[in-house]
Amino acid sequence: MKGESMERFETGSLVKSKAGHDKDEIFVITGRLGEYVEIADGKGRTVEKPKRKKKIHLQPIGWLDQTLARKARENKPFLNEDIKYAIKMYRRS
């Protein structure tokens, strides 16, 4: 699985927290709600209990995992394992 470059706050894309107790942590956007997005990391913040955070407190990384992108297009739910794997692959690149 390979990531590709993308822009802004797309479901399935990776973001970095700029504020709060989770500052500098990497998350995947699991949903969008106006000026807020739901984010999860697959461990502490799972898909079942995502964190709701304002977009201004997040930095888009410009990385979109192909598995997550496909699931987002097909309206299939993300799995915690998919999210953990996407973050792991980003950190290796």
PDB file of N, CA and C in Angstrom:
ATOM      1  N   MET A   1       0.832  -1.184   0.000  1.00  0.00           N
ATOM      2  CA  MET A   1       0.000   0.000   0.000  1.00  0.00           C
ATOM      3  C   MET A   1       0.867   1.234   0.000  1.00  0.00           C
ATOM      4  N   LYS A   2       0.482   2.146  -0.821  1.00  0.00           N
ATOM      5  CA  LYS A   2       1.296   3.312  -0.994  1.00  0.00           C
ATOM      6  C   LYS A   2       0.431   4.549  -0.821  1.00  0.00           C
ATOM      7  N   GLY A   3       1.015   5.600  -0.298  1.00  0.00           N
ATOM      8  CA  GLY A   3       0.280   6.846  -0.131  1.00  0.00           C
ATOM      9  C   GLY A   3       0.501   7.745  -1.327  1.00  0.00           C
ATOM     10  N   GLU A   4      -0.365   8.728  -1.471  1.00  0.00           N
ATOM     11  CA  GLU A   4      -0.195   9.687  -2.542  1.00  0.00           C
ATOM     12  C   GLU A   4      -0.461  11.078  -2.006  1.00  0.00           C
ATOM     13  N   SER A   5       0.034  12.072  -2.703  1.00  0.00           N
ATOM     14  CA  SER A   5      -0.135  13.449  -2.286  1.00  0.00           C
ATOM     15  C   SER A   5      -1.582  13.895  -2.493  1.00  0.00           C
ATOM     16  N   MET A   6      -2.093  14.726  -1.585  1.00  0.00           N
ATOM     17  CA  MET A   6      -3.433  15.260  -1.709  1.00  0.00           C
ATOM     18  C   MET A   6      -3.521  16.573  -0.953  1.00  0.00           C
ATOM     19  N   GLU A   7      -4.687  17.199  -0.976  1.00  0.00           N
ATOM     20  CA  GLU A   7      -4.833  18.501  -0.356  1.00  0.00           C
ATOM     21  C   GLU A   7      -5.897  18.515   0.733  1.00  0.00           C
ATOM     22  N   ARG A   8      -5.726  19.369   1.670  1.00  0.00           N
ATOM     23  CA  ARG A   8      -6.685  19.729   2.714  1.00  0.00           C
ATOM     24  C   ARG A   8      -7.225  18.573   3.544  1.00  0.00           C
ATOM     25  N   PHE A   9      -8.503  18.656   3.904  1.00  0.00           N
ATOM     26  CA  PHE A   9      -9.086  17.741   4.883  1.00  0.00           C
ATOM     27  C   PHE A   9     -10.029  16.753   4.222  1.00  0.00           C
ATOM     28  N   GLU A  10      -9.495  15.733   3.631  1.00  0.00           N
ATOM     29  CA  GLU A  10     -10.268  14.705   2.952  1.00  0.00           C
ATOM     30  C   GLU A  10     -10.378  13.488   3.871  1.00  0.00           C
ATOM     31  N   THR A  11     -11.531  12.842   3.871  1.00  0.00           N
ATOM     32  CA  THR A  11     -11.703  11.641   4.684  1.00  0.00           C
ATOM     33  C   THR A  11     -10.685  10.598   4.257  1.00  0.00           C
ATOM     34  N   GLY A  12      -9.955  10.057   5.220  1.00  0.00           N
ATOM     35  CA  GLY A  12      -8.910   9.076   4.950  1.00  0.00           C
ATOM     36  C   GLY A  12      -7.516   9.668   4.895  1.00  0.00           C
ATOM     37  N   SER A  13      -7.409  10.998   4.932  1.00  0.00           N
ATOM     38  CA  SER A  13      -6.091  11.627   4.877  1.00  0.00           C
ATOM     39  C   SER A  13      -5.484  11.765   6.273  1.00  0.00           C
ATOM     40  N   LEU A  14      -4.180  11.886   6.321  1.00  0.00           N
ATOM     41  CA  LEU A  14      -3.469  12.022   7.585  1.00  0.00           C
ATOM     42  C   LEU A  14      -3.297  13.492   7.941  1.00  0.00           C
ATOM     43  N   VAL A  15      -3.419  13.786   9.232  1.00  0.00           N
ATOM     44  CA  VAL A  15      -3.235  15.140   9.754  1.00  0.00           C
ATOM     45  C   VAL A  15      -2.401  15.067  11.026  1.00  0.00           C
ATOM     46  N   LYS A  16      -1.796  16.203  11.351  1.00  0.00           N
ATOM     47  CA  LYS A  16      -0.996  16.327  12.572  1.00  0.00           C
ATOM     48  C   LYS A  16      -1.680  17.357  13.468  1.00  0.00           C
ATOM     49  N   SER A  17      -1.835  17.029  14.734  1.00  0.00           N
ATOM     50  CA  SER A  17      -2.461  17.932  15.681  1.00  0.00           C
ATOM     51  C   SER A  17      -1.510  19.082  16.005  1.00  0.00           C
ATOM     52  N   LYS A  18      -2.032  20.329  15.932  1.00  0.00           N
ATOM     53  CA  LYS A  18      -1.226  21.508  16.233  1.00  0.00           C
ATOM     54  C   LYS A  18      -1.488  22.046  17.629  1.00  0.00           C
ATOM     55  N   ALA A  19      -2.536  21.560  18.306  1.00  0.00           N
ATOM     56  CA  ALA A  19      -2.904  22.104  19.614  1.00  0.00           C
ATOM     57  C   ALA A  19      -3.562  21.032  20.469  1.00  0.00           C
ATOM     58  N   GLY A  20      -3.528  21.266  21.761  1.00  0.00           N
ATOM     59  CA  GLY A  20      -4.164  20.349  22.705  1.00  0.00           C
ATOM     60  C   GLY A  20      -3.187  19.360  23.295  1.00  0.00           C
ATOM     61  N   HIS A  21      -3.704  18.466  24.118  1.00  0.00           N
ATOM     62  CA  HIS A  21      -2.832  17.487  24.776  1.00  0.00           C
ATOM     63  C   HIS A  21      -2.274  16.464  23.786  1.00  0.00           C
ATOM     64  N   ASP A  22      -2.870  16.386  22.602  1.00  0.00           N
ATOM     65  CA  ASP A  22      -2.394  15.459  21.571  1.00  0.00           C
ATOM     66  C   ASP A  22      -1.521  16.146  20.522  1.00  0.00           C
ATOM     67  N   LYS A  23      -0.960  17.300  20.866  1.00  0.00           N
ATOM     68  CA  LYS A  23      -0.128  18.071  19.945  1.00  0.00           C
ATOM     69  C   LYS A  23       0.980  17.193  19.359  1.00  0.00           C
ATOM     70  N   ASP A  24       1.211  17.346  18.046  1.00  0.00           N
ATOM     71  CA  ASP A  24       2.241  16.642  17.274  1.00  0.00           C
ATOM     72  C   ASP A  24       1.934  15.166  17.027  1.00  0.00           C
ATOM     73  N   GLU A  25       0.755  14.703  17.398  1.00  0.00           N
ATOM     74  CA  GLU A  25       0.358  13.319  17.115  1.00  0.00           C
ATOM     75  C   GLU A  25      -0.238  13.246  15.712  1.00  0.00           C
ATOM     76  N   ILE A  26      -0.122  12.079  15.087  1.00  0.00           N
ATOM     77  CA  ILE A  26      -0.647  11.840  13.749  1.00  0.00           C
ATOM     78  C   ILE A  26      -1.997  11.118  13.870  1.00  0.00           C
ATOM     79  N   PHE A  27      -2.972  11.576  13.085  1.00  0.00           N
ATOM     80  CA  PHE A  27      -4.309  10.993  13.075  1.00  0.00           C
ATOM     81  C   PHE A  27      -4.795  10.842  11.643  1.00  0.00           C
ATOM     82  N   VAL A  28      -5.867  10.071  11.477  1.00  0.00           N
ATOM     83  CA  VAL A  28      -6.549   9.920  10.195  1.00  0.00           C
ATOM     84  C   VAL A  28      -7.926  10.557  10.336  1.00  0.00           C
ATOM     85  N   ILE A  29      -8.330  11.309   9.324  1.00  0.00           N
ATOM     86  CA  ILE A  29      -9.662  11.900   9.337  1.00  0.00           C
ATOM     87  C   ILE A  29     -10.676  10.807   9.005  1.00  0.00           C
ATOM     88  N   THR A  30     -11.630  10.596   9.917  1.00  0.00           N
ATOM     89  CA  THR A  30     -12.636   9.561   9.720  1.00  0.00           C
ATOM     90  C   THR A  30     -13.996  10.141   9.361  1.00  0.00           C
ATOM     91  N   GLY A  31     -14.161  11.451   9.488  1.00  0.00           N
ATOM     92  CA  GLY A  31     -15.425  12.092   9.141  1.00  0.00           C
ATOM     93  C   GLY A  31     -15.292  13.598   9.165  1.00  0.00           C
ATOM     94  N   ARG A  32     -16.218  14.281   8.485  1.00  0.00           N
ATOM     95  CA  ARG A  32     -16.208  15.745   8.443  1.00  0.00           C
ATOM     96  C   ARG A  32     -17.554  16.272   8.912  1.00  0.00           C
ATOM     97  N   LEU A  33     -17.504  17.318   9.743  1.00  0.00           N
ATOM     98  CA  LEU A  33     -18.717  17.924  10.305  1.00  0.00           C
ATOM     99  C   LEU A  33     -18.578  19.446  10.283  1.00  0.00           C
ATOM    100  N   GLY A  34     -18.721  20.066   9.130  1.00  0.00           N
ATOM    101  CA  GLY A  34     -18.590  21.522   9.017  1.00  0.00           C
ATOM    102  C   GLY A  34     -17.169  21.966   9.287  1.00  0.00           C
ATOM    103  N   GLU A  35     -16.982  22.817  10.313  1.00  0.00           N
ATOM    104  CA  GLU A  35     -15.638  23.285  10.648  1.00  0.00           C
ATOM    105  C   GLU A  35     -14.867  22.285  11.507  1.00  0.00           C
ATOM    106  N   TYR A  36     -15.509  21.187  11.845  1.00  0.00           N
ATOM    107  CA  TYR A  36     -14.885  20.123  12.636  1.00  0.00           C
ATOM    108  C   TYR A  36     -14.619  18.895  11.766  1.00  0.00           C
ATOM    109  N   VAL A  37     -13.662  18.084  12.218  1.00  0.00           N
ATOM    110  CA  VAL A  37     -13.447  16.765  11.631  1.00  0.00           C
ATOM    111  C   VAL A  37     -13.357  15.761  12.772  1.00  0.00           C
ATOM    112  N   GLU A  38     -13.652  14.518  12.464  1.00  0.00           N
ATOM    113  CA  GLU A  38     -13.459  13.442  13.427  1.00  0.00           C
ATOM    114  C   GLU A  38     -12.157  12.758  13.071  1.00  0.00           C
ATOM    115  N   ILE A  39     -11.307  12.531  14.090  1.00  0.00           N
ATOM    116  CA  ILE A  39     -10.010  11.920  13.848  1.00  0.00           C
ATOM    117  C   ILE A  39      -9.822  10.713  14.762  1.00  0.00           C
ATOM    118  N   ALA A  40      -9.026   9.772  14.286  1.00  0.00           N
ATOM    119  CA  ALA A  40      -8.719   8.576  15.061  1.00  0.00           C
ATOM    120  C   ALA A  40      -7.295   8.147  14.740  1.00  0.00           C
ATOM    121  N   ASP A  41      -6.671   7.438  15.708  1.00  0.00           N
ATOM    122  CA  ASP A  41      -5.335   6.889  15.469  1.00  0.00           C
ATOM    123  C   ASP A  41      -5.331   5.361  15.530  1.00  0.00           C
ATOM    124  N   GLY A  42      -6.492   4.767  15.802  1.00  0.00           N
ATOM    125  CA  GLY A  42      -6.608   3.315  15.835  1.00  0.00           C
ATOM    126  C   GLY A  42      -6.206   2.684  17.155  1.00  0.00           C
ATOM    127  N   LYS A  43      -5.634   3.475  18.064  1.00  0.00           N
ATOM    128  CA  LYS A  43      -5.204   2.951  19.372  1.00  0.00           C
ATOM    129  C   LYS A  43      -5.996   3.645  20.474  1.00  0.00           C
ATOM    130  N   GLY A  44      -5.505   4.775  20.940  1.00  0.00           N
ATOM    131  CA  GLY A  44      -6.184   5.518  22.000  1.00  0.00           C
ATOM    132  C   GLY A  44      -7.479   6.134  21.520  1.00  0.00           C
ATOM    133  N   ARG A  45      -7.475   6.612  20.295  1.00  0.00           N
ATOM    134  CA  ARG A  45      -8.672   7.174  19.661  1.00  0.00           C
ATOM    135  C   ARG A  45      -9.083   6.216  18.554  1.00  0.00           C
ATOM    136  N   THR A  46     -10.075   5.396  18.846  1.00  0.00           N
ATOM    137  CA  THR A  46     -10.504   4.376  17.893  1.00  0.00           C
ATOM    138  C   THR A  46     -11.588   4.911  16.959  1.00  0.00           C
ATOM    139  N   VAL A  47     -11.883   4.153  15.945  1.00  0.00           N
ATOM    140  CA  VAL A  47     -12.936   4.503  14.997  1.00  0.00           C
ATOM    141  C   VAL A  47     -14.284   4.587  15.713  1.00  0.00           C
ATOM    142  N   GLU A  48     -14.469   3.736  16.705  1.00  0.00           N
ATOM    143  CA  GLU A  48     -15.727   3.726  17.449  1.00  0.00           C
ATOM    144  C   GLU A  48     -15.898   4.957  18.336  1.00  0.00           C
ATOM    145  N   LYS A  49     -14.789   5.576  18.732  1.00  0.00           N
ATOM    146  CA  LYS A  49     -14.830   6.749  19.604  1.00  0.00           C
ATOM    147  C   LYS A  49     -13.829   7.796  19.110  1.00  0.00           C
ATOM    148  N   PRO A  50     -14.103   8.389  17.923  1.00  0.00           N
ATOM    149  CA  PRO A  50     -13.151   9.367  17.374  1.00  0.00           C
ATOM    150  C   PRO A  50     -13.189  10.688  18.138  1.00  0.00           C
ATOM    151  N   LYS A  51     -12.123  11.458  17.996  1.00  0.00           N
ATOM    152  CA  LYS A  51     -12.050  12.788  18.604  1.00  0.00           C
ATOM    153  C   LYS A  51     -12.579  13.794  17.590  1.00  0.00           C
ATOM    154  N   ARG A  52     -13.395  14.717  18.061  1.00  0.00           N
ATOM    155  CA  ARG A  52     -13.885  15.805  17.221  1.00  0.00           C
ATOM    156  C   ARG A  52     -12.980  17.002  17.448  1.00  0.00           C
ATOM    157  N   LYS A  53     -12.420  17.542  16.368  1.00  0.00           N
ATOM    158  CA  LYS A  53     -11.456  18.627  16.509  1.00  0.00           C
ATOM    159  C   LYS A  53     -11.676  19.658  15.397  1.00  0.00           C
ATOM    160  N   LYS A  54     -11.470  20.931  15.726  1.00  0.00           N
ATOM    161  CA  LYS A  54     -11.589  21.987  14.727  1.00  0.00           C
ATOM    162  C   LYS A  54     -10.451  21.866  13.720  1.00  0.00           C
ATOM    163  N   LYS A  55     -10.780  22.175  12.472  1.00  0.00           N
ATOM    164  CA  LYS A  55      -9.787  22.090  11.397  1.00  0.00           C
ATOM    165  C   LYS A  55      -8.602  23.024  11.643  1.00  0.00           C
ATOM    166  N   ILE A  56      -8.849  24.172  12.277  1.00  0.00           N
ATOM    167  CA  ILE A  56      -7.749  25.119  12.497  1.00  0.00           C
ATOM    168  C   ILE A  56      -6.697  24.573  13.460  1.00  0.00           C
ATOM    169  N   HIS A  57      -7.039  23.526  14.211  1.00  0.00           N
ATOM    170  CA  HIS A  57      -6.085  22.925  15.143  1.00  0.00           C
ATOM    171  C   HIS A  57      -5.361  21.729  14.540  1.00  0.00           C
ATOM    172  N   LEU A  58      -5.544  21.522  13.244  1.00  0.00           N
ATOM    173  CA  LEU A  58      -4.910  20.393  12.559  1.00  0.00           C
ATOM    174  C   LEU A  58      -4.102  20.864  11.364  1.00  0.00           C
ATOM    175  N   GLN A  59      -2.995  20.188  11.105  1.00  0.00           N
ATOM    176  CA  GLN A  59      -2.132  20.473   9.958  1.00  0.00           C
ATOM    177  C   GLN A  59      -2.241  19.313   8.972  1.00  0.00           C
ATOM    178  N   PRO A  60      -2.775  19.551   7.768  1.00  0.00           N
ATOM    179  CA  PRO A  60      -2.805  18.468   6.777  1.00  0.00           C
ATOM    180  C   PRO A  60      -1.377  18.054   6.416  1.00  0.00           C
ATOM    181  N   ILE A  61      -1.140  16.767   6.346  1.00  0.00           N
ATOM    182  CA  ILE A  61       0.191  16.247   6.043  1.00  0.00           C
ATOM    183  C   ILE A  61       0.394  16.108   4.542  1.00  0.00           C
ATOM    184  N   GLY A  62      -0.694  15.873   3.811  1.00  0.00           N
ATOM    185  CA  GLY A  62      -0.572  15.670   2.369  1.00  0.00           C
ATOM    186  C   GLY A  62      -0.323  14.213   2.036  1.00  0.00           C
ATOM    187  N   TRP A  63      -0.852  13.311   2.826  1.00  0.00           N
ATOM    188  CA  TRP A  63      -0.662  11.869   2.641  1.00  0.00           C
ATOM    189  C   TRP A  63      -2.029  11.200   2.701  1.00  0.00           C
ATOM    190  N   LEU A  64      -2.327  10.384   1.690  1.00  0.00           N
ATOM    191  CA  LEU A  64      -3.596   9.681   1.620  1.00  0.00           C
ATOM    192  C   LEU A  64      -3.309   8.217   1.347  1.00  0.00           C
ATOM    193  N   ASP A  65      -3.665   7.361   2.297  1.00  0.00           N
ATOM    194  CA  ASP A  65      -3.453   5.931   2.134  1.00  0.00           C
ATOM    195  C   ASP A  65      -4.467   5.392   1.131  1.00  0.00           C
ATOM    196  N   GLN A  66      -4.016   4.558   0.205  1.00  0.00           N
ATOM    197  CA  GLN A  66      -4.889   4.050  -0.849  1.00  0.00           C
ATOM    198  C   GLN A  66      -6.031   3.182  -0.313  1.00  0.00           C
ATOM    199  N   THR A  67      -5.782   2.375   0.687  1.00  0.00           N
ATOM    200  CA  THR A  67      -6.836   1.537   1.265  1.00  0.00           C
ATOM    201  C   THR A  67      -7.916   2.406   1.895  1.00  0.00           C
ATOM    202  N   LEU A  68      -7.513   3.414   2.651  1.00  0.00           N
ATOM    203  CA  LEU A  68      -8.484   4.302   3.282  1.00  0.00           C
ATOM    204  C   LEU A  68      -9.228   5.134   2.242  1.00  0.00           C
ATOM    205  N   ALA A  69      -8.523   5.561   1.196  1.00  0.00           N
ATOM    206  CA  ALA A  69      -9.161   6.344   0.130  1.00  0.00           C
ATOM    207  C   ALA A  69     -10.227   5.509  -0.576  1.00  0.00           C
ATOM    208  N   ARG A  70      -9.916   4.249  -0.850  1.00  0.00           N
ATOM    209  CA  ARG A  70     -10.878   3.360  -1.514  1.00  0.00           C
ATOM    210  C   ARG A  70     -12.101   3.147  -0.629  1.00  0.00           C
ATOM    211  N   LYS A  71     -11.865   2.898   0.653  1.00  0.00           N
ATOM    212  CA  LYS A  71     -12.989   2.689   1.581  1.00  0.00           C
ATOM    213  C   LYS A  71     -13.848   3.950   1.698  1.00  0.00           C
ATOM    214  N   ALA A  72     -13.220   5.115   1.686  1.00  0.00           N
ATOM    215  CA  ALA A  72     -13.979   6.370   1.764  1.00  0.00           C
ATOM    216  C   ALA A  72     -14.845   6.547   0.518  1.00  0.00           C
ATOM    217  N   ARG A  73     -14.290   6.250  -0.660  1.00  0.00           N
ATOM    218  CA  ARG A  73     -15.052   6.358  -1.916  1.00  0.00           C
ATOM    219  C   ARG A  73     -16.234   5.392  -1.942  1.00  0.00           C
ATOM    220  N   GLU A  74     -16.030   4.198  -1.383  1.00  0.00           N
ATOM    221  CA  GLU A  74     -17.068   3.169  -1.401  1.00  0.00           C
ATOM    222  C   GLU A  74     -17.991   3.235  -0.178  1.00  0.00           C
ATOM    223  N   ASN A  75     -17.805   4.255   0.664  1.00  0.00           N
ATOM    224  CA  ASN A  75     -18.590   4.423   1.894  1.00  0.00           C
ATOM    225  C   ASN A  75     -18.533   3.202   2.800  1.00  0.00           C
ATOM    226  N   LYS A  76     -17.370   2.573   2.862  1.00  0.00           N
ATOM    227  CA  LYS A  76     -17.161   1.440   3.762  1.00  0.00           C
ATOM    228  C   LYS A  76     -16.517   1.959   5.044  1.00  0.00           C
ATOM    229  N   PRO A  77     -16.785   1.322   6.173  1.00  0.00           N
ATOM    230  CA  PRO A  77     -16.197   1.801   7.437  1.00  0.00           C
ATOM    231  C   PRO A  77     -14.697   1.520   7.508  1.00  0.00           C
ATOM    232  N   PHE A  78     -13.985   2.427   8.167  1.00  0.00           N
ATOM    233  CA  PHE A  78     -12.560   2.223   8.420  1.00  0.00           C
ATOM    234  C   PHE A  78     -12.403   1.242   9.573  1.00  0.00           C
ATOM    235  N   LEU A  79     -11.348   0.462   9.530  1.00  0.00           N
ATOM    236  CA  LEU A  79     -10.999  -0.416  10.639  1.00  0.00           C
ATOM    237  C   LEU A  79      -9.824   0.204  11.382  1.00  0.00           C
ATOM    238  N   ASN A  80      -9.743  -0.023  12.691  1.00  0.00           N
ATOM    239  CA  ASN A  80      -8.625   0.496  13.473  1.00  0.00           C
ATOM    240  C   ASN A  80      -7.297  -0.015  12.924  1.00  0.00           C
ATOM    241  N   GLU A  81      -7.280  -1.265  12.449  1.00  0.00           N
ATOM    242  CA  GLU A  81      -6.054  -1.841  11.903  1.00  0.00           C
ATOM    243  C   GLU A  81      -5.605  -1.092  10.644  1.00  0.00           C
ATOM    244  N   ASP A  82      -6.571  -0.676   9.801  1.00  0.00           N
ATOM    245  CA  ASP A  82      -6.246   0.095   8.597  1.00  0.00           C
ATOM    246  C   ASP A  82      -5.614   1.434   8.968  1.00  0.00           C
ATOM    247  N   ILE A  83      -6.166   2.074   9.981  1.00  0.00           N
ATOM    248  CA  ILE A  83      -5.665   3.381  10.420  1.00  0.00           C
ATOM    249  C   ILE A  83      -4.260   3.253  10.994  1.00  0.00           C
ATOM    250  N   LYS A  84      -4.059   2.262  11.854  1.00  0.00           N
ATOM    251  CA  LYS A  84      -2.720   2.047  12.434  1.00  0.00           C
ATOM    252  C   LYS A  84      -1.699   1.761  11.345  1.00  0.00           C
ATOM    253  N   TYR A  85      -2.084   0.960  10.347  1.00  0.00           N
ATOM    254  CA  TYR A  85      -1.174   0.614   9.263  1.00  0.00           C
ATOM    255  C   TYR A  85      -0.823   1.847   8.418  1.00  0.00           C
ATOM    256  N   ALA A  86      -1.814   2.680   8.132  1.00  0.00           N
ATOM    257  CA  ALA A  86      -1.578   3.892   7.340  1.00  0.00           C
ATOM    258  C   ALA A  86      -0.596   4.824   8.060  1.00  0.00           C
ATOM    259  N   ILE A  87      -0.781   4.993   9.367  1.00  0.00           N
ATOM    260  CA  ILE A  87       0.123   5.857  10.143  1.00  0.00           C
ATOM    261  C   ILE A  87       1.528   5.254  10.178  1.00  0.00           C
ATOM    262  N   LYS A  88       1.603   3.954  10.327  1.00  0.00           N
ATOM    263  CA  LYS A  88       2.894   3.263  10.351  1.00  0.00           C
ATOM    264  C   LYS A  88       3.627   3.442   9.023  1.00  0.00           C
ATOM    265  N   MET A  89       2.929   3.295   7.909  1.00  0.00           N
ATOM    266  CA  MET A  89       3.539   3.455   6.586  1.00  0.00           C
ATOM    267  C   MET A  89       3.991   4.894   6.359  1.00  0.00           C
ATOM    268  N   TYR A  90       3.229   5.865   6.835  1.00  0.00           N
ATOM    269  CA  TYR A  90       3.633   7.261   6.706  1.00  0.00           C
ATOM    270  C   TYR A  90       4.930   7.503   7.469  1.00  0.00           C
ATOM    271  N   ARG A  91       5.011   6.995   8.677  1.00  0.00           N
ATOM    272  CA  ARG A  91       6.208   7.222   9.504  1.00  0.00           C
ATOM    273  C   ARG A  91       7.440   6.557   8.901  1.00  0.00           C
ATOM    274  N   ARG A  92       7.261   5.464   8.163  1.00  0.00           N
ATOM    275  CA  ARG A  92       8.384   4.779   7.518  1.00  0.00           C
ATOM    276  C   ARG A  92       8.880   5.516   6.275  1.00  0.00           C
ATOM    277  N   SER A  93       8.018   6.329   5.677  1.00  0.00           N
ATOM    278  CA  SER A  93       8.411   6.994   4.424  1.00  0.00           C
ATOM    279  C   SER A  93       9.298   8.196   4.657  1.00  0.00           C
TER     280      SER A  93
END
